[in-house]
């Protein structure tokens, strides 16, 4: 019985730690960094560099998510979709979460500095500071936080690029632009779905004061429309060929159609469909990039 209880307790703690670090988002960040490495590589890249770069990036992303939840724990307790997170639910204490985040962040930055290079580590540090020190407090002040937050969210592929090249170039900025514009329809759809929750938490999201959803859906559509040509930049500058170009066009039209449907309907189901399409869009586009590069 004691062994069973211990195993159950350990499982709960592990789930709480994974929840604290938002493991799904962390995995997506690592995937984005991998895309940057793949496109930035000019020849064979050592497996050790891949491990150090992706592990370091993931650790810093996990630290950022944990610190974000520490800062927002009181607001999270007021929102239904976040009330059961480890901190607002009382399963983890803030001091323990801060310590965990500090260890993860320090380990990640050391991984990048010593295993990759200082440019990669510097970009990761800037991402951490921007996400926790700028975006997180701004969420309580202005709806512009969504745009500001998309900046650190678009940096991971640049970290991967910097790790293999030691510098940044047009390709790195093309990937940054791709992720920046992708995030906006994604976050705006979430903001509309959970607008009542954001209002309870005291977050002045665009959707909170947008009764009919016109402004929210219009911005999602405009960003999505801009994403289609932006997503073709890797092909335009010679980083990718026909395989990626075709994949980006198909995925972009699919994303744009879902965004247009939300602009016309402005209902929760339409917003959920847009959110789901956005979740699938990025892996599809990154997979097309990888396929083009490898084959």
C-alpha atoms as a PDB file:
ATOM      1  CA  UNK A   1       0.000   0.000   0.000  1.00  0.00           C
ATOM      2  CA  UNK A   2       2.816   2.401   0.911  1.00  0.00           C
ATOM      3  CA  UNK A   3       4.605   1.672  -2.364  1.00  0.00           C
ATOM      4  CA  UNK A   4       1.388   2.333  -4.271  1.00  0.00           C
ATOM      5  CA  UNK A   5       0.812   5.578  -2.393  1.00  0.00           C
ATOM      6  CA  UNK A   6       4.397   6.680  -3.026  1.00  0.00           C
ATOM      7  CA  UNK A   7       4.104   5.883  -6.719  1.00  0.00           C
ATOM      8  CA  UNK A   8       0.826   7.811  -6.961  1.00  0.00           C
ATOM      9  CA  UNK A   9       2.323  10.806  -5.140  1.00  0.00           C
ATOM     10  CA  UNK A  10       5.394  10.752  -7.369  1.00  0.00           C
ATOM     11  CA  UNK A  11       3.163  10.635 -10.446  1.00  0.00           C
ATOM     12  CA  UNK A  12       1.169  13.648  -9.285  1.00  0.00           C
ATOM     13  CA  UNK A  13       4.330  15.623  -8.584  1.00  0.00           C
ATOM     14  CA  UNK A  14       5.752  14.739 -11.985  1.00  0.00           C
ATOM     15  CA  UNK A  15       2.543  15.856 -13.688  1.00  0.00           C
ATOM     16  CA  UNK A  16       2.634  19.095 -11.709  1.00  0.00           C
ATOM     17  CA  UNK A  17       6.228  19.766 -12.728  1.00  0.00           C
ATOM     18  CA  UNK A  18       5.358  19.096 -16.358  1.00  0.00           C
ATOM     19  CA  UNK A  19       2.371  21.425 -15.990  1.00  0.00           C
ATOM     20  CA  UNK A  20       4.536  24.092 -14.397  1.00  0.00           C
ATOM     21  CA  UNK A  21       6.943  24.006 -17.327  1.00  0.00           C
ATOM     22  CA  UNK A  22       4.181  23.665 -19.976  1.00  0.00           C
ATOM     23  CA  UNK A  23       5.782  20.630 -21.580  1.00  0.00           C
ATOM     24  CA  UNK A  24       3.748  20.930 -24.797  1.00  0.00           C
ATOM     25  CA  UNK A  25       4.914  24.488 -25.419  1.00  0.00           C
ATOM     26  CA  UNK A  26       8.468  23.535 -24.452  1.00  0.00           C
ATOM     27  CA  UNK A  27       8.434  20.733 -27.030  1.00  0.00           C
ATOM     28  CA  UNK A  28       7.202  23.153 -29.711  1.00  0.00           C
ATOM     29  CA  UNK A  29       9.972  25.605 -28.812  1.00  0.00           C
ATOM     30  CA  UNK A  30      12.564  22.846 -29.171  1.00  0.00           C
ATOM     31  CA  UNK A  31      11.055  21.848 -32.534  1.00  0.00           C
ATOM     32  CA  UNK A  32      11.325  25.458 -33.716  1.00  0.00           C
ATOM     33  CA  UNK A  33      14.966  25.606 -32.635  1.00  0.00           C
ATOM     34  CA  UNK A  34      15.600  22.358 -34.516  1.00  0.00           C
ATOM     35  CA  UNK A  35      14.176  23.961 -37.674  1.00  0.00           C
ATOM     36  CA  UNK A  36      16.599  26.842 -37.237  1.00  0.00           C
ATOM     37  CA  UNK A  37      19.508  24.432 -36.888  1.00  0.00           C
ATOM     38  CA  UNK A  38      18.472  22.420 -39.912  1.00  0.00           C
ATOM     39  CA  UNK A  39      18.126  25.448 -42.172  1.00  0.00           C
ATOM     40  CA  UNK A  40      21.190  27.179 -40.801  1.00  0.00           C
ATOM     41  CA  UNK A  41      23.538  24.197 -41.111  1.00  0.00           C
ATOM     42  CA  UNK A  42      26.054  24.558 -43.950  1.00  0.00           C
ATOM     43  CA  UNK A  43      27.399  21.052 -43.601  1.00  0.00           C
ATOM     44  CA  UNK A  44      27.393  18.097 -41.202  1.00  0.00           C
ATOM     45  CA  UNK A  45      26.503  19.105 -37.651  1.00  0.00           C
ATOM     46  CA  UNK A  46      27.728  17.129 -34.667  1.00  0.00           C
ATOM     47  CA  UNK A  47      25.120  15.222 -32.637  1.00  0.00           C
ATOM     48  CA  UNK A  48      26.524  16.836 -29.492  1.00  0.00           C
ATOM     49  CA  UNK A  49      25.701  20.310 -30.806  1.00  0.00           C
ATOM     50  CA  UNK A  50      22.139  19.200 -31.525  1.00  0.00           C
ATOM     51  CA  UNK A  51      21.767  17.829 -27.997  1.00  0.00           C
ATOM     52  CA  UNK A  52      23.245  20.881 -26.276  1.00  0.00           C
ATOM     53  CA  UNK A  53      21.228  23.346 -28.359  1.00  0.00           C
ATOM     54  CA  UNK A  54      17.841  21.646 -28.144  1.00  0.00           C
ATOM     55  CA  UNK A  55      18.221  20.693 -24.496  1.00  0.00           C
ATOM     56  CA  UNK A  56      19.410  24.174 -23.548  1.00  0.00           C
ATOM     57  CA  UNK A  57      16.605  25.855 -25.462  1.00  0.00           C
ATOM     58  CA  UNK A  58      14.002  23.556 -23.920  1.00  0.00           C
ATOM     59  CA  UNK A  59      15.298  24.185 -20.396  1.00  0.00           C
ATOM     60  CA  UNK A  60      15.164  27.966 -20.839  1.00  0.00           C
ATOM     61  CA  UNK A  61      11.641  27.717 -22.288  1.00  0.00           C
ATOM     62  CA  UNK A  62      10.570  25.584 -19.332  1.00  0.00           C
ATOM     63  CA  UNK A  63      12.028  28.159 -16.924  1.00  0.00           C
ATOM     64  CA  UNK A  64      10.141  30.972 -18.670  1.00  0.00           C
ATOM     65  CA  UNK A  65       6.848  29.092 -18.419  1.00  0.00           C
ATOM     66  CA  UNK A  66       7.401  28.337 -14.742  1.00  0.00           C
ATOM     67  CA  UNK A  67       8.223  31.949 -13.861  1.00  0.00           C
ATOM     68  CA  UNK A  68       5.217  33.143 -15.858  1.00  0.00           C
ATOM     69  CA  UNK A  69       2.977  30.920 -13.751  1.00  0.00           C
ATOM     70  CA  UNK A  70       4.571  32.169 -10.537  1.00  0.00           C
ATOM     71  CA  UNK A  71       3.825  35.782 -11.471  1.00  0.00           C
ATOM     72  CA  UNK A  72       0.288  35.010 -12.649  1.00  0.00           C
ATOM     73  CA  UNK A  73      -0.728  32.530  -9.943  1.00  0.00           C
ATOM     74  CA  UNK A  74      -3.306  34.841  -8.323  1.00  0.00           C
ATOM     75  CA  UNK A  75      -4.925  35.661 -11.669  1.00  0.00           C
ATOM     76  CA  UNK A  76      -4.806  31.988 -12.651  1.00  0.00           C
ATOM     77  CA  UNK A  77      -6.793  31.139  -9.523  1.00  0.00           C
ATOM     78  CA  UNK A  78      -9.642  33.335 -10.813  1.00  0.00           C
ATOM     79  CA  UNK A  79      -9.848  31.679 -14.238  1.00  0.00           C
ATOM     80  CA  UNK A  80     -11.551  28.349 -14.775  1.00  0.00           C
ATOM     81  CA  UNK A  81      -9.100  26.987 -17.340  1.00  0.00           C
ATOM     82  CA  UNK A  82      -6.074  27.710 -15.111  1.00  0.00           C
ATOM     83  CA  UNK A  83      -7.435  27.341 -11.566  1.00  0.00           C
ATOM     84  CA  UNK A  84      -6.204  23.760 -11.311  1.00  0.00           C
ATOM     85  CA  UNK A  85      -2.643  24.545 -12.281  1.00  0.00           C
ATOM     86  CA  UNK A  86      -0.137  23.464  -9.594  1.00  0.00           C
ATOM     87  CA  UNK A  87       0.412  26.921  -8.075  1.00  0.00           C
ATOM     88  CA  UNK A  88      -3.153  28.317  -7.812  1.00  0.00           C
ATOM     89  CA  UNK A  89      -4.380  24.886  -6.698  1.00  0.00           C
ATOM     90  CA  UNK A  90      -1.784  24.874  -3.893  1.00  0.00           C
ATOM     91  CA  UNK A  91      -0.017  21.668  -4.946  1.00  0.00           C
ATOM     92  CA  UNK A  92       3.237  23.567  -5.419  1.00  0.00           C
ATOM     93  CA  UNK A  93       4.583  26.488  -3.428  1.00  0.00           C
ATOM     94  CA  UNK A  94       5.841  29.642  -5.182  1.00  0.00           C
ATOM     95  CA  UNK A  95       9.298  29.434  -3.595  1.00  0.00           C
ATOM     96  CA  UNK A  96       9.757  25.892  -4.867  1.00  0.00           C
ATOM     97  CA  UNK A  97       8.575  26.915  -8.336  1.00  0.00           C
ATOM     98  CA  UNK A  98      10.985  29.873  -8.436  1.00  0.00           C
ATOM     99  CA  UNK A  99      13.862  27.624  -7.364  1.00  0.00           C
ATOM    100  CA  UNK A 100      12.935  25.071 -10.008  1.00  0.00           C
ATOM    101  CA  UNK A 101      12.734  27.771 -12.681  1.00  0.00           C
ATOM    102  CA  UNK A 102      16.077  29.273 -11.632  1.00  0.00           C
ATOM    103  CA  UNK A 103      17.801  25.903 -11.854  1.00  0.00           C
ATOM    104  CA  UNK A 104      16.237  25.127 -15.219  1.00  0.00           C
ATOM    105  CA  UNK A 105      17.112  28.552 -16.631  1.00  0.00           C
ATOM    106  CA  UNK A 106      20.699  28.472 -15.385  1.00  0.00           C
ATOM    107  CA  UNK A 107      21.220  24.942 -16.698  1.00  0.00           C
ATOM    108  CA  UNK A 108      19.754  25.871 -20.071  1.00  0.00           C
ATOM    109  CA  UNK A 109      21.879  28.981 -20.495  1.00  0.00           C
ATOM    110  CA  UNK A 110      25.019  27.064 -19.505  1.00  0.00           C
ATOM    111  CA  UNK A 111      24.151  24.321 -21.993  1.00  0.00           C
ATOM    112  CA  UNK A 112      23.878  26.876 -24.765  1.00  0.00           C
ATOM    113  CA  UNK A 113      26.908  28.950 -23.774  1.00  0.00           C
ATOM    114  CA  UNK A 114      29.277  26.021 -23.321  1.00  0.00           C
ATOM    115  CA  UNK A 115      27.752  23.498 -25.721  1.00  0.00           C
ATOM    116  CA  UNK A 116      26.824  25.861 -28.573  1.00  0.00           C
ATOM    117  CA  UNK A 117      28.000  29.481 -28.414  1.00  0.00           C
ATOM    118  CA  UNK A 118      27.425  32.750 -26.590  1.00  0.00           C
ATOM    119  CA  UNK A 119      25.186  34.173 -29.296  1.00  0.00           C
ATOM    120  CA  UNK A 120      22.731  31.304 -28.898  1.00  0.00           C
ATOM    121  CA  UNK A 121      22.873  31.712 -25.116  1.00  0.00           C
ATOM    122  CA  UNK A 122      22.380  35.472 -25.397  1.00  0.00           C
ATOM    123  CA  UNK A 123      19.302  35.048 -27.583  1.00  0.00           C
ATOM    124  CA  UNK A 124      17.868  32.560 -25.098  1.00  0.00           C
ATOM    125  CA  UNK A 125      18.560  34.935 -22.205  1.00  0.00           C
ATOM    126  CA  UNK A 126      16.873  37.798 -24.081  1.00  0.00           C
ATOM    127  CA  UNK A 127      13.885  35.541 -24.737  1.00  0.00           C
ATOM    128  CA  UNK A 128      13.623  34.654 -21.049  1.00  0.00           C
ATOM    129  CA  UNK A 129      13.830  38.298 -19.957  1.00  0.00           C
ATOM    130  CA  UNK A 130      11.404  39.452 -22.642  1.00  0.00           C
ATOM    131  CA  UNK A 131       8.826  36.797 -21.830  1.00  0.00           C
ATOM    132  CA  UNK A 132       8.946  37.071 -18.049  1.00  0.00           C
ATOM    133  CA  UNK A 133      10.059  40.661 -17.536  1.00  0.00           C
ATOM    134  CA  UNK A 134       8.148  42.435 -20.301  1.00  0.00           C
ATOM    135  CA  UNK A 135       5.336  40.325 -21.732  1.00  0.00           C
ATOM    136  CA  UNK A 136       4.059  38.828 -18.474  1.00  0.00           C
ATOM    137  CA  UNK A 137       3.562  42.124 -16.545  1.00  0.00           C
ATOM    138  CA  UNK A 138       2.281  43.881 -19.684  1.00  0.00           C
ATOM    139  CA  UNK A 139      -0.586  41.381 -19.922  1.00  0.00           C
ATOM    140  CA  UNK A 140      -2.195  43.139 -16.955  1.00  0.00           C
ATOM    141  CA  UNK A 141      -1.840  46.543 -18.584  1.00  0.00           C
ATOM    142  CA  UNK A 142      -2.536  46.407 -22.307  1.00  0.00           C
ATOM    143  CA  UNK A 143      -3.850  44.192 -25.086  1.00  0.00           C
ATOM    144  CA  UNK A 144      -0.625  45.025 -26.927  1.00  0.00           C
ATOM    145  CA  UNK A 145       0.975  42.363 -24.739  1.00  0.00           C
ATOM    146  CA  UNK A 146      -0.111  39.798 -27.330  1.00  0.00           C
ATOM    147  CA  UNK A 147       2.054  41.466 -29.974  1.00  0.00           C
ATOM    148  CA  UNK A 148       4.946  41.981 -27.555  1.00  0.00           C
ATOM    149  CA  UNK A 149       4.761  38.361 -26.409  1.00  0.00           C
ATOM    150  CA  UNK A 150       5.011  37.134 -29.989  1.00  0.00           C
ATOM    151  CA  UNK A 151       8.548  38.581 -30.182  1.00  0.00           C
ATOM    152  CA  UNK A 152      10.233  36.248 -27.650  1.00  0.00           C
ATOM    153  CA  UNK A 153       7.989  33.482 -28.960  1.00  0.00           C
ATOM    154  CA  UNK A 154       9.546  33.857 -32.412  1.00  0.00           C
ATOM    155  CA  UNK A 155      13.193  33.739 -31.290  1.00  0.00           C
ATOM    156  CA  UNK A 156      13.749  29.927 -30.808  1.00  0.00           C
ATOM    157  CA  UNK A 157      14.571  29.195 -34.493  1.00  0.00           C
ATOM    158  CA  UNK A 158      17.099  32.026 -34.336  1.00  0.00           C
ATOM    159  CA  UNK A 159      18.732  30.265 -31.381  1.00  0.00           C
ATOM    160  CA  UNK A 160      19.086  27.121 -33.484  1.00  0.00           C
ATOM    161  CA  UNK A 161      20.439  29.111 -36.428  1.00  0.00           C
ATOM    162  CA  UNK A 162      22.954  30.921 -34.214  1.00  0.00           C
ATOM    163  CA  UNK A 163      24.111  27.628 -32.695  1.00  0.00           C
ATOM    164  CA  UNK A 164      25.217  26.217 -36.055  1.00  0.00           C
ATOM    165  CA  UNK A 165      26.457  29.423 -37.701  1.00  0.00           C
ATOM    166  CA  UNK A 166      27.613  31.629 -34.844  1.00  0.00           C
ATOM    167  CA  UNK A 167      25.835  34.577 -36.477  1.00  0.00           C
ATOM    168  CA  UNK A 168      22.423  35.627 -37.758  1.00  0.00           C
ATOM    169  CA  UNK A 169      21.388  36.167 -41.347  1.00  0.00           C
ATOM    170  CA  UNK A 170      18.348  36.614 -43.590  1.00  0.00           C
ATOM    171  CA  UNK A 171      17.325  32.984 -43.064  1.00  0.00           C
ATOM    172  CA  UNK A 172      17.164  33.418 -39.306  1.00  0.00           C
ATOM    173  CA  UNK A 173      15.013  36.526 -39.674  1.00  0.00           C
ATOM    174  CA  UNK A 174      12.728  34.754 -42.158  1.00  0.00           C
ATOM    175  CA  UNK A 175      12.069  32.058 -39.569  1.00  0.00           C
ATOM    176  CA  UNK A 176      11.509  34.711 -36.908  1.00  0.00           C
ATOM    177  CA  UNK A 177       8.907  36.404 -39.127  1.00  0.00           C
ATOM    178  CA  UNK A 178       7.185  33.086 -39.823  1.00  0.00           C
ATOM    179  CA  UNK A 179       6.749  32.320 -36.134  1.00  0.00           C
ATOM    180  CA  UNK A 180       5.798  35.883 -35.241  1.00  0.00           C
ATOM    181  CA  UNK A 181       2.914  36.060 -37.708  1.00  0.00           C
ATOM    182  CA  UNK A 182       1.800  32.496 -36.936  1.00  0.00           C
ATOM    183  CA  UNK A 183       1.401  33.275 -33.244  1.00  0.00           C
ATOM    184  CA  UNK A 184      -1.033  36.143 -33.692  1.00  0.00           C
ATOM    185  CA  UNK A 185      -4.056  34.254 -35.145  1.00  0.00           C
ATOM    186  CA  UNK A 186      -3.280  31.425 -32.732  1.00  0.00           C
ATOM    187  CA  UNK A 187      -3.368  33.642 -29.647  1.00  0.00           C
ATOM    188  CA  UNK A 188      -6.273  35.764 -30.856  1.00  0.00           C
ATOM    189  CA  UNK A 189      -8.432  32.662 -31.318  1.00  0.00           C
ATOM    190  CA  UNK A 190      -7.577  31.537 -27.787  1.00  0.00           C
ATOM    191  CA  UNK A 191      -8.312  35.031 -26.474  1.00  0.00           C
ATOM    192  CA  UNK A 192     -11.796  34.895 -28.002  1.00  0.00           C
ATOM    193  CA  UNK A 193     -12.575  31.388 -26.733  1.00  0.00           C
ATOM    194  CA  UNK A 194     -11.569  32.290 -23.165  1.00  0.00           C
ATOM    195  CA  UNK A 195     -12.528  35.975 -23.134  1.00  0.00           C
ATOM    196  CA  UNK A 196     -14.760  35.540 -20.052  1.00  0.00           C
ATOM    197  CA  UNK A 197     -11.901  33.850 -18.221  1.00  0.00           C
ATOM    198  CA  UNK A 198      -9.470  36.621 -19.154  1.00  0.00           C
ATOM    199  CA  UNK A 199     -11.968  39.191 -17.894  1.00  0.00           C
ATOM    200  CA  UNK A 200     -12.211  37.364 -14.553  1.00  0.00           C
ATOM    201  CA  UNK A 201      -8.433  37.245 -14.311  1.00  0.00           C
ATOM    202  CA  UNK A 202      -8.081  40.961 -14.982  1.00  0.00           C
ATOM    203  CA  UNK A 203      -6.300  40.629 -18.340  1.00  0.00           C
ATOM    204  CA  UNK A 204      -7.358  43.416 -20.770  1.00  0.00           C
ATOM    205  CA  UNK A 205      -7.103  41.240 -23.868  1.00  0.00           C
ATOM    206  CA  UNK A 206      -8.454  42.654 -27.103  1.00  0.00           C
ATOM    207  CA  UNK A 207     -11.308  40.142 -26.956  1.00  0.00           C
ATOM    208  CA  UNK A 208     -12.429  41.261 -23.483  1.00  0.00           C
ATOM    209  CA  UNK A 209     -13.722  44.623 -24.730  1.00  0.00           C
ATOM    210  CA  UNK A 210     -14.751  43.365 -28.162  1.00  0.00           C
ATOM    211  CA  UNK A 211     -18.391  42.392 -27.697  1.00  0.00           C
ATOM    212  CA  UNK A 212     -19.108  41.193 -31.228  1.00  0.00           C
ATOM    213  CA  UNK A 213     -15.615  39.863 -31.944  1.00  0.00           C
ATOM    214  CA  UNK A 214     -15.167  42.087 -34.979  1.00  0.00           C
ATOM    215  CA  UNK A 215     -11.803  43.563 -33.985  1.00  0.00           C
ATOM    216  CA  UNK A 216     -10.425  40.264 -32.718  1.00  0.00           C
ATOM    217  CA  UNK A 217     -11.414  38.280 -35.805  1.00  0.00           C
ATOM    218  CA  UNK A 218     -10.314  41.069 -38.163  1.00  0.00           C
ATOM    219  CA  UNK A 219      -6.842  41.150 -36.648  1.00  0.00           C
ATOM    220  CA  UNK A 220      -6.594  37.359 -36.794  1.00  0.00           C
ATOM    221  CA  UNK A 221      -7.508  37.474 -40.487  1.00  0.00           C
ATOM    222  CA  UNK A 222      -5.043  40.266 -41.279  1.00  0.00           C
ATOM    223  CA  UNK A 223      -2.149  38.533 -39.530  1.00  0.00           C
ATOM    224  CA  UNK A 224      -3.020  35.273 -41.229  1.00  0.00           C
ATOM    225  CA  UNK A 225      -3.158  36.982 -44.619  1.00  0.00           C
ATOM    226  CA  UNK A 226       0.298  38.459 -43.958  1.00  0.00           C
ATOM    227  CA  UNK A 227       1.585  35.055 -42.882  1.00  0.00           C
ATOM    228  CA  UNK A 228       0.988  33.493 -46.315  1.00  0.00           C
ATOM    229  CA  UNK A 229       3.607  35.599 -48.181  1.00  0.00           C
ATOM    230  CA  UNK A 230       5.884  35.707 -45.125  1.00  0.00           C
ATOM    231  CA  UNK A 231       5.912  31.893 -45.017  1.00  0.00           C
ATOM    232  CA  UNK A 232       7.325  31.871 -48.566  1.00  0.00           C
ATOM    233  CA  UNK A 233      10.432  33.849 -47.587  1.00  0.00           C
ATOM    234  CA  UNK A 234      12.580  30.711 -47.058  1.00  0.00           C
ATOM    235  CA  UNK A 235      11.963  29.801 -50.704  1.00  0.00           C
ATOM    236  CA  UNK A 236      12.434  33.390 -51.882  1.00  0.00           C
ATOM    237  CA  UNK A 237      15.914  33.640 -50.343  1.00  0.00           C
ATOM    238  CA  UNK A 238      17.021  30.193 -51.470  1.00  0.00           C
ATOM    239  CA  UNK A 239      16.786  28.290 -48.197  1.00  0.00           C
ATOM    240  CA  UNK A 240      14.031  25.984 -49.420  1.00  0.00           C
ATOM    241  CA  UNK A 241      12.683  24.738 -52.721  1.00  0.00           C
ATOM    242  CA  UNK A 242       9.531  23.445 -54.363  1.00  0.00           C
ATOM    243  CA  UNK A 243       8.579  20.946 -51.646  1.00  0.00           C
ATOM    244  CA  UNK A 244       8.471  23.598 -48.954  1.00  0.00           C
ATOM    245  CA  UNK A 245       6.907  26.202 -51.266  1.00  0.00           C
ATOM    246  CA  UNK A 246       4.026  23.866 -52.088  1.00  0.00           C
ATOM    247  CA  UNK A 247       3.545  22.829 -48.463  1.00  0.00           C
ATOM    248  CA  UNK A 248       3.597  26.430 -47.249  1.00  0.00           C
ATOM    249  CA  UNK A 249       1.019  27.499 -49.851  1.00  0.00           C
ATOM    250  CA  UNK A 250      -1.365  24.634 -49.025  1.00  0.00           C
ATOM    251  CA  UNK A 251      -1.014  25.091 -45.261  1.00  0.00           C
ATOM    252  CA  UNK A 252      -1.305  28.868 -45.570  1.00  0.00           C
ATOM    253  CA  UNK A 253      -4.526  28.709 -47.583  1.00  0.00           C
ATOM    254  CA  UNK A 254      -5.954  26.237 -45.046  1.00  0.00           C
ATOM    255  CA  UNK A 255      -5.029  28.573 -42.179  1.00  0.00           C
ATOM    256  CA  UNK A 256      -6.375  31.610 -44.021  1.00  0.00           C
ATOM    257  CA  UNK A 257      -9.682  29.842 -44.746  1.00  0.00           C
ATOM    258  CA  UNK A 258     -10.128  29.009 -41.050  1.00  0.00           C
ATOM    259  CA  UNK A 259      -9.341  32.610 -40.137  1.00  0.00           C
ATOM    260  CA  UNK A 260     -11.828  33.925 -42.702  1.00  0.00           C
ATOM    261  CA  UNK A 261     -14.489  31.556 -41.337  1.00  0.00           C
ATOM    262  CA  UNK A 262     -13.889  32.983 -37.854  1.00  0.00           C
ATOM    263  CA  UNK A 263     -14.144  36.540 -39.186  1.00  0.00           C
ATOM    264  CA  UNK A 264     -17.507  35.718 -40.768  1.00  0.00           C
ATOM    265  CA  UNK A 265     -18.943  33.685 -37.881  1.00  0.00           C
ATOM    266  CA  UNK A 266     -17.171  34.998 -34.758  1.00  0.00           C
ATOM    267  CA  UNK A 267     -18.537  32.137 -32.661  1.00  0.00           C
ATOM    268  CA  UNK A 268     -16.695  29.982 -30.134  1.00  0.00           C
ATOM    269  CA  UNK A 269     -16.794  26.910 -32.445  1.00  0.00           C
ATOM    270  CA  UNK A 270     -15.285  28.940 -35.308  1.00  0.00           C
ATOM    271  CA  UNK A 271     -12.564  30.237 -32.987  1.00  0.00           C
ATOM    272  CA  UNK A 272     -11.846  26.694 -31.786  1.00  0.00           C
ATOM    273  CA  UNK A 273     -11.489  25.489 -35.372  1.00  0.00           C
ATOM    274  CA  UNK A 274      -9.042  28.313 -36.039  1.00  0.00           C
ATOM    275  CA  UNK A 275      -7.091  27.415 -32.912  1.00  0.00           C
ATOM    276  CA  UNK A 276      -6.890  23.744 -33.946  1.00  0.00           C
ATOM    277  CA  UNK A 277      -5.767  24.654 -37.461  1.00  0.00           C
ATOM    278  CA  UNK A 278      -3.093  26.929 -35.981  1.00  0.00           C
ATOM    279  CA  UNK A 279      -1.846  24.106 -33.757  1.00  0.00           C
ATOM    280  CA  UNK A 280      -1.387  21.838 -36.780  1.00  0.00           C
ATOM    281  CA  UNK A 281      -0.117  24.546 -39.129  1.00  0.00           C
ATOM    282  CA  UNK A 282       3.299  25.100 -37.562  1.00  0.00           C
ATOM    283  CA  UNK A 283       4.391  21.423 -37.373  1.00  0.00           C
ATOM    284  CA  UNK A 284       3.198  20.931 -40.957  1.00  0.00           C
ATOM    285  CA  UNK A 285       5.211  23.899 -42.227  1.00  0.00           C
ATOM    286  CA  UNK A 286       8.304  22.939 -40.220  1.00  0.00           C
ATOM    287  CA  UNK A 287       8.009  19.353 -41.480  1.00  0.00           C
ATOM    288  CA  UNK A 288       7.841  20.691 -45.054  1.00  0.00           C
ATOM    289  CA  UNK A 289      11.004  22.683 -44.371  1.00  0.00           C
ATOM    290  CA  UNK A 290      12.752  19.612 -43.019  1.00  0.00           C
ATOM    291  CA  UNK A 291      11.610  17.438 -45.935  1.00  0.00           C
ATOM    292  CA  UNK A 292      12.790  20.031 -48.447  1.00  0.00           C
ATOM    293  CA  UNK A 293      16.145  20.321 -46.740  1.00  0.00           C
ATOM    294  CA  UNK A 294      16.743  16.596 -46.262  1.00  0.00           C
ATOM    295  CA  UNK A 295      15.339  15.181 -49.491  1.00  0.00           C
END
